[in-house]
C-alpha atoms as a PDB file:
ATOM      1  CA  MET A   1     105.305  86.168  83.261  1.00  0.00           C
ATOM      2  CA  VAL A   2     103.686  88.570  80.435  1.00  0.00           C
ATOM      3  CA  SER A   3     102.706  86.439  77.402  1.00  0.00           C
ATOM      4  CA  LYS A   4     102.386  87.685  73.791  1.00  0.00           C
ATOM      5  CA  GLY A   5      98.783  87.317  73.672  1.00  0.00           C
ATOM      6  CA  PHE A   6      98.368  89.520  76.726  1.00  0.00           C
ATOM      7  CA  LEU A   7     100.247  92.321  75.339  1.00  0.00           C
ATOM      8  CA  GLU A   8      98.571  91.973  72.032  1.00  0.00           C
ATOM      9  CA  ARG A   9      95.177  92.615  73.863  1.00  0.00           C
ATOM     10  CA  LEU A  10      96.489  95.494  75.891  1.00  0.00           C
ATOM     11  CA  LEU A  11      97.853  97.130  72.874  1.00  0.00           C
ATOM     12  CA  GLN A  12      94.475  96.763  70.893  1.00  0.00           C
ATOM     13  CA  LEU A  13      92.911  98.255  73.976  1.00  0.00           C
ATOM     14  CA  ALA A  14      95.322 101.217  74.082  1.00  0.00           C
ATOM     15  CA  TYR A  15      95.042 102.006  70.349  1.00  0.00           C
ATOM     16  CA  ASP A  16      90.977 101.420  70.462  1.00  0.00           C
ATOM     17  CA  GLU A  17      91.439 104.213  73.032  1.00  0.00           C
ATOM     18  CA  ASP A  18      93.750 106.866  71.276  1.00  0.00           C
ATOM     19  CA  LEU A  19      92.581 106.146  67.778  1.00  0.00           C
ATOM     20  CA  GLY A  20      88.848 106.016  68.353  1.00  0.00           C
ATOM     21  CA  ALA A  21      86.781 105.567  65.245  1.00  0.00           C
ATOM     22  CA  ALA A  22      88.565 108.458  63.236  1.00  0.00           C
ATOM     23  CA  GLY A  23      92.103 107.247  63.633  1.00  0.00           C
ATOM     24  CA  ASP A  24      95.193 109.691  63.828  1.00  0.00           C
ATOM     25  CA  ILE A  25      93.709 112.583  62.055  1.00  0.00           C
ATOM     26  CA  THR A  26      97.001 114.707  62.145  1.00  0.00           C
ATOM     27  CA  THR A  27      99.215 112.093  60.898  1.00  0.00           C
ATOM     28  CA  MET A  28      96.910 110.903  57.786  1.00  0.00           C
ATOM     29  CA  ALA A  29      96.428 114.634  56.981  1.00  0.00           C
ATOM     30  CA  LEU A  30      99.953 115.439  56.707  1.00  0.00           C
ATOM     31  CA  VAL A  31     102.135 112.451  56.330  1.00  0.00           C
ATOM     32  CA  PRO A  32     102.347 110.761  52.833  1.00  0.00           C
ATOM     33  CA  GLU A  33     101.396 107.243  53.024  1.00  0.00           C
ATOM     34  CA  HIS A  34     104.682 106.076  51.200  1.00  0.00           C
ATOM     35  CA  LEU A  35     106.970 108.062  53.521  1.00  0.00           C
ATOM     36  CA  LEU A  36     109.404 106.078  55.481  1.00  0.00           C
ATOM     37  CA  GLY A  37     111.057 107.171  58.954  1.00  0.00           C
ATOM     38  CA  GLU A  38     113.532 106.203  61.406  1.00  0.00           C
ATOM     39  CA  GLY A  39     114.375 107.451  64.895  1.00  0.00           C
ATOM     40  CA  GLU A  40     115.888 106.551  68.282  1.00  0.00           C
ATOM     41  CA  LEU A  41     114.726 106.048  71.786  1.00  0.00           C
ATOM     42  CA  MET A  42     117.109 108.139  73.982  1.00  0.00           C
ATOM     43  CA  ALA A  43     117.405 108.238  77.732  1.00  0.00           C
ATOM     44  CA  LYS A  44     117.356 111.646  79.120  1.00  0.00           C
ATOM     45  CA  GLU A  45     118.315 110.674  82.671  1.00  0.00           C
ATOM     46  CA  ALA A  46     119.869 107.675  84.290  1.00  0.00           C
ATOM     47  CA  LEU A  47     117.321 104.672  84.571  1.00  0.00           C
ATOM     48  CA  VAL A  48     117.005 100.861  84.755  1.00  0.00           C
ATOM     49  CA  PHE A  49     115.412  99.882  81.470  1.00  0.00           C
ATOM     50  CA  SER A  50     112.143  97.694  81.689  1.00  0.00           C
ATOM     51  CA  GLY A  51     109.821  96.839  78.785  1.00  0.00           C
ATOM     52  CA  VAL A  52     111.580  95.455  75.867  1.00  0.00           C
ATOM     53  CA  GLU A  53     109.045  93.390  74.512  1.00  0.00           C
ATOM     54  CA  VAL A  54     105.956  95.825  74.959  1.00  0.00           C
ATOM     55  CA  PHE A  55     108.101  98.663  73.302  1.00  0.00           C
ATOM     56  CA  SER A  56     108.798  96.622  70.144  1.00  0.00           C
ATOM     57  CA  MET A  57     105.246  95.046  69.914  1.00  0.00           C
ATOM     58  CA  ALA A  58     103.701  98.712  70.126  1.00  0.00           C
ATOM     59  CA  PHE A  59     105.127  99.400  66.876  1.00  0.00           C
ATOM     60  CA  SER A  60     104.630  95.928  65.181  1.00  0.00           C
ATOM     61  CA  HIS A  61     101.099  95.797  66.340  1.00  0.00           C
ATOM     62  CA  MET A  62     100.507  98.988  64.489  1.00  0.00           C
ATOM     63  CA  ASP A  63     102.250  98.058  61.449  1.00  0.00           C
ATOM     64  CA  ALA A  64     104.175  94.650  60.826  1.00  0.00           C
ATOM     65  CA  ARG A  65     106.547  96.654  58.493  1.00  0.00           C
ATOM     66  CA  VAL A  66     108.267  98.502  61.334  1.00  0.00           C
ATOM     67  CA  GLU A  67     111.476  97.308  62.597  1.00  0.00           C
ATOM     68  CA  VAL A  68     112.862  97.817  66.023  1.00  0.00           C
ATOM     69  CA  GLU A  69     116.403  97.252  67.123  1.00  0.00           C
ATOM     70  CA  MET A  70     116.605  97.177  70.897  1.00  0.00           C
ATOM     71  CA  LEU A  71     120.035  98.226  72.373  1.00  0.00           C
ATOM     72  CA  ALA A  72     119.046  98.161  75.955  1.00  0.00           C
ATOM     73  CA  PHE A  73     117.683  94.902  77.793  1.00  0.00           C
ATOM     74  CA  ASP A  74     115.375  94.491  80.579  1.00  0.00           C
ATOM     75  CA  GLY A  75     116.972  95.272  83.736  1.00  0.00           C
ATOM     76  CA  GLN A  76     120.061  97.050  82.495  1.00  0.00           C
ATOM     77  CA  ALA A  77     121.121 100.201  83.978  1.00  0.00           C
ATOM     78  CA  CYS A  78     121.432 102.790  81.432  1.00  0.00           C
ATOM     79  CA  ALA A  79     123.227 106.287  81.673  1.00  0.00           C
ATOM     80  CA  SER A  80     121.804 109.446  80.657  1.00  0.00           C
ATOM     81  CA  GLY A  81     122.154 109.947  77.002  1.00  0.00           C
ATOM     82  CA  ALA A  82     122.075 106.281  76.153  1.00  0.00           C
ATOM     83  CA  CYS A  83     120.411 105.099  72.889  1.00  0.00           C
ATOM     84  CA  LEU A  84     118.125 102.434  73.841  1.00  0.00           C
ATOM     85  CA  ALA A  85     116.338 101.423  70.685  1.00  0.00           C
ATOM     86  CA  ARG A  86     116.356 102.320  66.748  1.00  0.00           C
ATOM     87  CA  ILE A  87     113.043 102.151  64.967  1.00  0.00           C
ATOM     88  CA  LYS A  88     112.369 102.456  61.332  1.00  0.00           C
ATOM     89  CA  GLY A  89     109.342 101.935  58.894  1.00  0.00           C
ATOM     90  CA  PRO A  90     106.383 103.707  57.663  1.00  0.00           C
ATOM     91  CA  MET A  91     106.160 106.993  59.130  1.00  0.00           C
ATOM     92  CA  ARG A  92     102.444 107.168  59.794  1.00  0.00           C
ATOM     93  CA  ALA A  93     102.905 104.110  61.921  1.00  0.00           C
ATOM     94  CA  LEU A  94     105.913 105.469  63.683  1.00  0.00           C
ATOM     95  CA  LEU A  95     103.913 108.556  64.735  1.00  0.00           C
ATOM     96  CA  THR A  96     100.611 106.905  65.529  1.00  0.00           C
ATOM     97  CA  ALA A  97     102.466 104.347  67.937  1.00  0.00           C
ATOM     98  CA  GLU A  98     104.759 106.898  69.483  1.00  0.00           C
ATOM     99  CA  ARG A  99     102.799 107.988  72.426  1.00  0.00           C
ATOM    100  CA  THR A 100     101.392 104.581  73.387  1.00  0.00           C
ATOM    101  CA  ALA A 101     105.002 102.975  73.256  1.00  0.00           C
ATOM    102  CA  LEU A 102     106.475 105.841  75.313  1.00  0.00           C
ATOM    103  CA  ASN A 103     103.621 105.788  77.820  1.00  0.00           C
ATOM    104  CA  LEU A 104     104.163 102.145  78.603  1.00  0.00           C
ATOM    105  CA  VAL A 105     107.843 102.261  78.769  1.00  0.00           C
ATOM    106  CA  GLN A 106     108.436 105.334  80.609  1.00  0.00           C
ATOM    107  CA  ARG A 107     106.324 103.887  83.474  1.00  0.00           C
ATOM    108  CA  THR A 108     107.739 100.372  83.353  1.00  0.00           C
ATOM    109  CA  SER A 109     111.276 101.689  83.197  1.00  0.00           C
ATOM    110  CA  GLY A 110     110.343 104.187  86.278  1.00  0.00           C
ATOM    111  CA  MET A 111     109.242 101.205  88.260  1.00  0.00           C
ATOM    112  CA  ALA A 112     112.380  99.323  87.656  1.00  0.00           C
ATOM    113  CA  THR A 113     114.347 102.361  88.551  1.00  0.00           C
ATOM    114  CA  PHE A 114     112.632 102.863  91.769  1.00  0.00           C
ATOM    115  CA  ALA A 115     112.883  99.208  92.490  1.00  0.00           C
ATOM    116  CA  ALA A 116     116.917  99.355  92.123  1.00  0.00           C
ATOM    117  CA  ARG A 117     116.964 102.421  94.516  1.00  0.00           C
ATOM    118  CA  VAL A 118     115.108 100.453  96.907  1.00  0.00           C
ATOM    119  CA  ARG A 119     117.462  97.291  96.453  1.00  0.00           C
ATOM    120  CA  ALA A 120     120.477  99.741  96.947  1.00  0.00           C
ATOM    121  CA  ALA A 121     119.179 100.931 100.312  1.00  0.00           C
ATOM    122  CA  ILE A 122     118.713  97.455 101.537  1.00  0.00           C
ATOM    123  CA  GLU A 123     121.956  96.130 100.329  1.00  0.00           C
ATOM    124  CA  GLY A 124     123.859  94.012 102.818  1.00  0.00           C
ATOM    125  CA  THR A 125     120.643  93.232 104.800  1.00  0.00           C
ATOM    126  CA  LYS A 126     118.555  90.265 104.879  1.00  0.00           C
ATOM    127  CA  LEU A 127     115.479  92.169 104.348  1.00  0.00           C
ATOM    128  CA  ARG A 128     113.258  91.158 101.590  1.00  0.00           C
ATOM    129  CA  VAL A 129     111.072  93.923  99.779  1.00  0.00           C
ATOM    130  CA  VAL A 130     108.221  93.016  97.670  1.00  0.00           C
ATOM    131  CA  ASP A 131     105.454  94.654  95.833  1.00  0.00           C
ATOM    132  CA  THR A 132     101.607  94.653  96.030  1.00  0.00           C
ATOM    133  CA  ARG A 133      98.443  94.630  94.183  1.00  0.00           C
ATOM    134  CA  LYS A 134      98.495  98.580  94.092  1.00  0.00           C
ATOM    135  CA  THR A 135      98.912  98.757  90.316  1.00  0.00           C
ATOM    136  CA  SER A 136      96.951 100.140  87.480  1.00  0.00           C
ATOM    137  CA  PRO A 137      94.067  98.030  86.605  1.00  0.00           C
ATOM    138  CA  GLY A 138      95.330  96.133  83.301  1.00  0.00           C
ATOM    139  CA  LEU A 139      98.983  96.798  83.849  1.00  0.00           C
ATOM    140  CA  ARG A 140      99.751  94.573  86.625  1.00  0.00           C
ATOM    141  CA  ALA A 141     101.886  92.107  84.795  1.00  0.00           C
ATOM    142  CA  LEU A 142     104.132  94.753  83.211  1.00  0.00           C
ATOM    143  CA  SER A 143     104.158  96.553  86.658  1.00  0.00           C
ATOM    144  CA  LYS A 144     105.439  93.299  88.626  1.00  0.00           C
ATOM    145  CA  GLN A 145     107.702  92.435  85.668  1.00  0.00           C
ATOM    146  CA  ALA A 146     109.327  95.869  86.158  1.00  0.00           C
ATOM    147  CA  VAL A 147     109.769  95.353  89.706  1.00  0.00           C
ATOM    148  CA  LEU A 148     111.821  91.995  88.995  1.00  0.00           C
ATOM    149  CA  HIS A 149     113.858  93.864  86.576  1.00  0.00           C
ATOM    150  CA  GLY A 150     114.728  96.402  89.357  1.00  0.00           C
ATOM    151  CA  GLY A 151     115.993  93.530  91.391  1.00  0.00           C
ATOM    152  CA  LEU A 152     113.184  93.077  94.079  1.00  0.00           C
ATOM    153  CA  GLN A 153     110.625  90.262  94.368  1.00  0.00           C
ATOM    154  CA  ASN A 154     106.889  90.105  93.737  1.00  0.00           C
ATOM    155  CA  HIS A 155     104.040  89.461  96.478  1.00  0.00           C
ATOM    156  CA  ARG A 156     101.144  87.499  95.334  1.00  0.00           C
ATOM    157  CA  PHE A 157      99.882  88.340  91.778  1.00  0.00           C
ATOM    158  CA  GLY A 158      96.263  88.599  92.139  1.00  0.00           C
ATOM    159  CA  LEU A 159      93.562  87.464  94.614  1.00  0.00           C
ATOM    160  CA  PHE A 160      93.640  83.853  93.066  1.00  0.00           C
ATOM    161  CA  ASP A 161      97.050  82.733  94.038  1.00  0.00           C
ATOM    162  CA  GLY A 162      97.412  83.660  97.830  1.00  0.00           C
ATOM    163  CA  VAL A 163      95.240  83.978 100.875  1.00  0.00           C
ATOM    164  CA  LEU A 164      95.543  87.276 102.625  1.00  0.00           C
ATOM    165  CA  ILE A 165      92.950  87.936 105.302  1.00  0.00           C
ATOM    166  CA  LYS A 166      92.378  91.831 105.846  1.00  0.00           C
ATOM    167  CA  ASP A 167      90.428  93.879 108.220  1.00  0.00           C
ATOM    168  CA  ASN A 168      87.422  93.836 106.099  1.00  0.00           C
ATOM    169  CA  HIS A 169      87.453  90.104 105.779  1.00  0.00           C
ATOM    170  CA  LEU A 170      87.420  90.003 109.389  1.00  0.00           C
ATOM    171  CA  ALA A 171      84.573  92.474 109.708  1.00  0.00           C
ATOM    172  CA  ALA A 172      82.445  89.963 107.805  1.00  0.00           C
ATOM    173  CA  LEU A 173      83.160  87.347 110.732  1.00  0.00           C
ATOM    174  CA  ASN A 174      82.767  89.742 113.524  1.00  0.00           C
ATOM    175  CA  GLY A 175      86.585  90.240 113.921  1.00  0.00           C
ATOM    176  CA  SER A 176      87.211  86.388 114.410  1.00  0.00           C
ATOM    177  CA  ILE A 177      90.811  85.848 113.253  1.00  0.00           C
ATOM    178  CA  GLN A 178      90.390  82.279 114.429  1.00  0.00           C
ATOM    179  CA  GLU A 179      87.320  81.507 112.386  1.00  0.00           C
ATOM    180  CA  ALA A 180      88.881  83.288 109.393  1.00  0.00           C
ATOM    181  CA  VAL A 181      91.973  81.037 109.355  1.00  0.00           C
ATOM    182  CA  LEU A 182      90.070  77.979 109.682  1.00  0.00           C
ATOM    183  CA  ARG A 183      87.870  78.852 106.946  1.00  0.00           C
ATOM    184  CA  ALA A 184      90.728  79.858 104.603  1.00  0.00           C
ATOM    185  CA  ARG A 185      92.573  76.551 105.788  1.00  0.00           C
ATOM    186  CA  GLN A 186      89.669  74.234 104.888  1.00  0.00           C
ATOM    187  CA  ALA A 187      88.931  76.129 101.410  1.00  0.00           C
ATOM    188  CA  THR A 188      92.393  75.854 100.308  1.00  0.00           C
ATOM    189  CA  HIS A 189      92.910  72.268 101.404  1.00  0.00           C
ATOM    190  CA  GLY A 190      96.053  73.527 103.240  1.00  0.00           C
ATOM    191  CA  LEU A 191      97.855  73.949 100.037  1.00  0.00           C
ATOM    192  CA  LEU A 192      98.372  77.811 100.376  1.00  0.00           C
ATOM    193  CA  LYS A 193     100.107  79.858 103.106  1.00  0.00           C
ATOM    194  CA  ILE A 194      97.531  81.815 104.944  1.00  0.00           C
ATOM    195  CA  GLU A 195      98.444  85.384 105.821  1.00  0.00           C
ATOM    196  CA  VAL A 196      96.656  87.573 108.417  1.00  0.00           C
ATOM    197  CA  GLU A 197      96.676  91.379 108.502  1.00  0.00           C
ATOM    198  CA  VAL A 198      96.856  93.030 111.866  1.00  0.00           C
ATOM    199  CA  SER A 199      97.100  96.405 113.205  1.00  0.00           C
ATOM    200  CA  HIS A 200      98.288  95.892 116.785  1.00  0.00           C
ATOM    201  CA  VAL A 201     100.242  93.063 118.724  1.00  0.00           C
ATOM    202  CA  GLU A 202      96.981  91.557 120.234  1.00  0.00           C
ATOM    203  CA  GLY A 203      95.956  90.859 116.678  1.00  0.00           C
ATOM    204  CA  LEU A 204      99.288  89.165 116.149  1.00  0.00           C
ATOM    205  CA  LYS A 205      98.782  86.930 119.258  1.00  0.00           C
ATOM    206  CA  GLU A 206      95.545  85.826 117.897  1.00  0.00           C
ATOM    207  CA  ALA A 207      96.693  85.170 114.506  1.00  0.00           C
ATOM    208  CA  ILE A 208      99.753  82.927 115.902  1.00  0.00           C
ATOM    209  CA  ALA A 209      97.102  81.095 118.115  1.00  0.00           C
ATOM    210  CA  ALA A 210      95.010  80.448 114.996  1.00  0.00           C
ATOM    211  CA  GLY A 211      97.801  78.964 113.198  1.00  0.00           C
ATOM    212  CA  ALA A 212      98.493  81.747 110.521  1.00  0.00           C
ATOM    213  CA  ASP A 213     101.618  81.234 108.385  1.00  0.00           C
ATOM    214  CA  VAL A 214     102.467  84.967 107.883  1.00  0.00           C
ATOM    215  CA  VAL A 215     101.406  88.028 109.591  1.00  0.00           C
ATOM    216  CA  MET A 216     101.323  91.472 108.271  1.00  0.00           C
ATOM    217  CA  LEU A 217     101.999  94.151 110.686  1.00  0.00           C
ATOM    218  CA  ASP A 218     100.077  97.061 109.120  1.00  0.00           C
ATOM    219  CA  ASN A 219     100.929 100.493 109.866  1.00  0.00           C
ATOM    220  CA  MET A 220     102.890 100.035 113.081  1.00  0.00           C
ATOM    221  CA  GLY A 221     105.471 102.268 114.337  1.00  0.00           C
ATOM    222  CA  ASP A 222     109.049 100.764 114.856  1.00  0.00           C
ATOM    223  CA  GLU A 223     108.541 100.305 118.636  1.00  0.00           C
ATOM    224  CA  GLU A 224     105.554  98.091 118.249  1.00  0.00           C
ATOM    225  CA  ILE A 225     107.228  96.151 115.305  1.00  0.00           C
ATOM    226  CA  GLU A 226     110.077  95.456 117.950  1.00  0.00           C
ATOM    227  CA  ARG A 227     107.405  94.086 120.151  1.00  0.00           C
ATOM    228  CA  ALA A 228     105.888  92.015 117.450  1.00  0.00           C
ATOM    229  CA  VAL A 229     109.173  90.533 116.660  1.00  0.00           C
ATOM    230  CA  ALA A 230     109.779  89.365 120.132  1.00  0.00           C
ATOM    231  CA  ILE A 231     106.302  87.822 120.484  1.00  0.00           C
ATOM    232  CA  ALA A 232     106.230  85.943 117.411  1.00  0.00           C
ATOM    233  CA  ALA A 233     109.894  84.619 118.059  1.00  0.00           C
ATOM    234  CA  GLY A 234     110.076  82.935 114.797  1.00  0.00           C
ATOM    235  CA  ARG A 235     107.069  81.058 114.926  1.00  0.00           C
ATOM    236  CA  VAL A 236     105.466  83.046 111.853  1.00  0.00           C
ATOM    237  CA  LEU A 237     106.778  85.243 109.173  1.00  0.00           C
ATOM    238  CA  LEU A 238     106.382  88.923 109.529  1.00  0.00           C
ATOM    239  CA  GLU A 239     105.591  91.192 106.940  1.00  0.00           C
ATOM    240  CA  VAL A 240     105.537  94.951 107.412  1.00  0.00           C
ATOM    241  CA  SER A 241     103.283  97.203 105.393  1.00  0.00           C
ATOM    242  CA  GLY A 242     101.930 100.904 105.438  1.00  0.00           C
ATOM    243  CA  GLN A 243     104.272 104.018 106.015  1.00  0.00           C
ATOM    244  CA  VAL A 244     107.184 102.363 104.336  1.00  0.00           C
ATOM    245  CA  SER A 245     109.528 105.065 102.916  1.00  0.00           C
ATOM    246  CA  LEU A 246     112.888 104.727 101.228  1.00  0.00           C
ATOM    247  CA  GLU A 247     114.442 106.450 104.144  1.00  0.00           C
ATOM    248  CA  ARG A 248     112.908 103.796 106.630  1.00  0.00           C
ATOM    249  CA  LEU A 249     113.806 100.805 105.046  1.00  0.00           C
ATOM    250  CA  PHE A 250     117.192 100.334 106.610  1.00  0.00           C
ATOM    251  CA  ARG A 251     115.755 100.867 110.151  1.00  0.00           C
ATOM    252  CA  LEU A 252     113.167  98.180 109.296  1.00  0.00           C
ATOM    253  CA  ALA A 253     115.995  95.845 108.008  1.00  0.00           C
ATOM    254  CA  THR A 254     117.527  95.907 111.686  1.00  0.00           C
ATOM    255  CA  LEU A 255     114.165  95.008 113.481  1.00  0.00           C
ATOM    256  CA  GLY A 256     114.068  91.464 112.397  1.00  0.00           C
ATOM    257  CA  VAL A 257     110.991  91.347 110.355  1.00  0.00           C
ATOM    258  CA  ASP A 258     111.170  89.016 107.291  1.00  0.00           C
ATOM    259  CA  TRP A 259     109.902  91.180 104.422  1.00  0.00           C
ATOM    260  CA  VAL A 260     108.468  94.613 103.710  1.00  0.00           C
ATOM    261  CA  SER A 261     105.704  95.272 100.912  1.00  0.00           C
ATOM    262  CA  MET A 262     105.846  98.578  99.266  1.00  0.00           C
ATOM    263  CA  GLY A 263     102.852  99.890  97.226  1.00  0.00           C
ATOM    264  CA  ALA A 264     104.859 102.647  96.276  1.00  0.00           C
ATOM    265  CA  LEU A 265     106.741 100.493  94.082  1.00  0.00           C
ATOM    266  CA  THR A 266     104.083 100.211  91.436  1.00  0.00           C
ATOM    267  CA  HIS A 267     101.588 103.275  92.302  1.00  0.00           C
ATOM    268  CA  SER A 268     103.991 106.017  92.999  1.00  0.00           C
ATOM    269  CA  ALA A 269     107.160 105.363  90.949  1.00  0.00           C
ATOM    270  CA  ARG A 270     107.791 108.489  88.796  1.00  0.00           C
ATOM    271  CA  ALA A 271     107.888 107.852  84.873  1.00  0.00           C
ATOM    272  CA  VAL A 272     111.459 108.235  83.538  1.00  0.00           C
ATOM    273  CA  ASP A 273     112.275 110.828  80.997  1.00  0.00           C
ATOM    274  CA  LEU A 274     112.826 109.360  77.523  1.00  0.00           C
ATOM    275  CA  SER A 275     112.636 110.917  74.142  1.00  0.00           C
ATOM    276  CA  LEU A 276     111.765 109.386  70.738  1.00  0.00           C
ATOM    277  CA  ASN A 277     112.219 111.624  67.742  1.00  0.00           C
ATOM    278  CA  PHE A 278     111.649 110.484  64.311  1.00  0.00           C
ATOM    279  CA  ARG A 279     112.839 111.696  60.739  1.00  0.00           C
ATOM    280  CA  PRO A 280     112.392 110.968  57.038  1.00  0.00           C
ATOM    281  CA  MET A 281     114.783 108.058  56.035  1.00  0.00           C
ATOM    282  CA  VAL A 282     117.172 109.072  53.511  1.00  0.00           C
ATOM    283  CA  ARG A 283     117.029 106.680  50.315  1.00  0.00           C
ATOM    284  CA  GLY A 284     119.295 103.850  50.540  1.00  0.00           C
ATOM    285  CA  THR A 285     119.312 103.570  54.181  1.00  0.00           C
END
């Protein structure tokens, strides 16, 4: 999902932001150019790791002489205190790349860790939980990859690979779901599934009559969702979105919907606690 070219562009943007025109003033002033260093990436809490490639490239992009030995793999459950990677190379490069590397992998591992908790909450049910487009701009590919590493699934990646007719689209057509589905079907030549967002069961009925493939039940309570499932009767796939919490998932799994989308997987996952400490290399190591 995440290409090397994309990661190179992302890292260049991150370093342009961090280094500006003057570079790493502190490191250049204090650390001799010839000094070599080494260190370890350590887990300070239990987590699911995500970000092997971007973590390694954060250092090699800074200086090709840096060597990164990854000890954790993407999707691996790691205990608190586990060593996740060993790094060695020019000390200046290690210190300059440190924060960018940590910022990225703490967040991706946080998303993977939260996704794994969600997966555990629906264990034994048929419910599918997917992510959304509620990602930090520029970090969507890494975020969605992290969700996969946590054991869940992705919704559409962007605006280009799926049709989702939302309330603001309908407002442009005076609220006509029939017209919206017809136009979307014609524009995509029937090659893509058409999904419609509704906030009440009357909208669901309109979407079914219009020939939608998927209907998103937005911000509905459990009782209204139960009504929607009965009305749909398997004629369309039903997605629940809005007000979805970890605690509510099991209840939703019993209602008969097909999947749940959770923006919180990517926009609210807490960054995990990692440490990365460097020291000068002893000659001969």
